Amino acid sequence: MGVFVFAVPVLLVVVLGYALGYAAWEAAGLGGNPEPAGWLTGLALLAAVSWLLLSRRARLRRALRRARARGDDAESARLRAELTRRRRGRG
């Protein structure tokens, strides 16, 4: 049962990307089989969504927005410093 918690959202994202890629291929009037474009679009969408969800920077930004919304100034300052430190560390 626990596998479905992860498998269902993954499949939904891939199928959504597939549908978008397939529809775009047909709307563009391109010849040939639109299925490879659909599957590639689905997998690309899955990669993008996974990267966004797992990105440390994205998590820090979300936490900063939540801390600001709560009015937690100390936490906001800590998260801002962490984001700044990570930006400088990249070069």
Protein backbone atom coordinates (compact mmCIF):
# COMPACT_ATOMS: atom_id res chain seq x y z
CA MET A 1 0.00 0.00 0.00
CA GLY A 2 2.85 2.39 0.79
CA VAL A 3 4.21 2.07 -2.74
CA PHE A 4 1.03 3.67 -4.10
CA VAL A 5 1.67 6.82 -2.08
CA PHE A 6 4.67 7.48 -4.34
CA ALA A 7 3.68 5.62 -7.51
CA VAL A 8 0.32 7.33 -8.10
CA PRO A 9 1.62 10.94 -8.09
CA VAL A 10 4.57 9.91 -10.27
CA LEU A 11 2.27 8.25 -12.79
CA LEU A 12 -0.08 11.23 -12.79
CA VAL A 13 2.78 13.63 -13.57
CA VAL A 14 4.10 11.39 -16.35
CA VAL A 15 0.65 10.94 -17.88
CA LEU A 16 0.01 14.70 -17.73
CA GLY A 17 3.31 15.34 -19.50
CA TYR A 18 2.52 12.62 -22.01
CA ALA A 19 -0.85 14.19 -22.79
CA LEU A 20 0.71 17.65 -23.18
CA GLY A 21 3.47 16.39 -25.46
CA TYR A 22 1.11 14.29 -27.54
CA ALA A 23 -1.36 17.17 -27.92
CA ALA A 24 1.41 19.64 -28.80
CA TRP A 25 2.77 17.26 -31.45
CA GLU A 26 -0.64 16.87 -33.05
CA ALA A 27 -1.48 20.57 -32.76
CA ALA A 28 1.76 21.44 -34.54
CA GLY A 29 0.68 19.18 -37.39
CA LEU A 30 3.91 17.20 -37.37
CA GLY A 31 3.87 13.89 -39.16
CA GLY A 32 4.87 10.57 -37.72
CA ASN A 33 4.16 9.00 -34.38
CA PRO A 34 3.51 11.47 -31.54
CA GLU A 35 4.03 8.88 -28.79
CA PRO A 36 7.82 9.34 -28.36
CA ALA A 37 7.29 13.09 -27.97
CA GLY A 38 4.59 12.39 -25.39
CA TRP A 39 6.74 10.04 -23.34
CA LEU A 40 9.75 12.35 -23.49
CA THR A 41 7.62 15.27 -22.36
CA GLY A 42 6.17 13.18 -19.54
CA LEU A 43 9.60 12.13 -18.31
CA ALA A 44 10.92 15.69 -18.63
CA LEU A 45 8.00 16.97 -16.58
CA LEU A 46 8.67 14.30 -13.95
CA ALA A 47 12.34 15.33 -13.79
CA ALA A 48 11.41 18.99 -13.44
CA VAL A 49 8.85 18.37 -10.71
CA SER A 50 11.23 16.08 -8.84
CA TRP A 51 14.02 18.61 -9.02
CA LEU A 52 11.76 21.37 -7.73
CA LEU A 53 10.50 19.29 -4.85
CA LEU A 54 13.91 18.02 -3.84
CA SER A 55 15.84 21.21 -4.35
CA ARG A 56 17.37 22.48 -1.14
CA ARG A 57 17.15 26.04 -2.32
CA ALA A 58 13.46 25.71 -3.06
CA ARG A 59 12.88 24.28 0.39
CA LEU A 60 14.76 27.16 1.97
CA ARG A 61 12.70 29.68 0.03
CA ARG A 62 9.44 28.00 1.06
CA ALA A 63 10.56 27.96 4.69
CA LEU A 64 11.47 31.65 4.46
CA ARG A 65 8.03 32.51 3.06
CA ARG A 66 6.38 30.56 5.88
CA ALA A 67 8.54 32.21 8.53
CA ARG A 68 7.72 35.67 7.14
CA ALA A 69 4.02 34.82 7.10
CA ARG A 70 4.22 33.73 10.75
CA GLY A 71 6.13 36.88 11.66
CA ASP A 72 9.08 34.84 12.96
CA ASP A 73 11.87 37.40 12.52
CA ALA A 74 14.64 35.25 14.00
CA GLU A 75 13.85 32.31 11.72
CA SER A 76 13.51 34.64 8.72
CA ALA A 77 16.94 36.12 9.39
CA ARG A 78 18.50 32.66 9.76
CA LEU A 79 16.96 31.42 6.51
CA ARG A 80 17.94 34.61 4.64
CA ALA A 81 21.52 34.15 5.86
CA GLU A 82 21.50 30.52 4.71
CA LEU A 83 20.22 31.48 1.26
CA THR A 84 22.84 34.22 0.96
CA ARG A 85 25.62 31.89 2.11
CA ARG A 86 24.61 29.26 -0.45
CA ARG A 87 24.52 31.88 -3.24
CA ARG A 88 28.01 33.14 -2.42
CA GLY A 89 29.35 29.60 -2.14
CA ARG A 90 28.47 28.81 -5.75
CA GLY A 91 30.83 31.42 -7.07
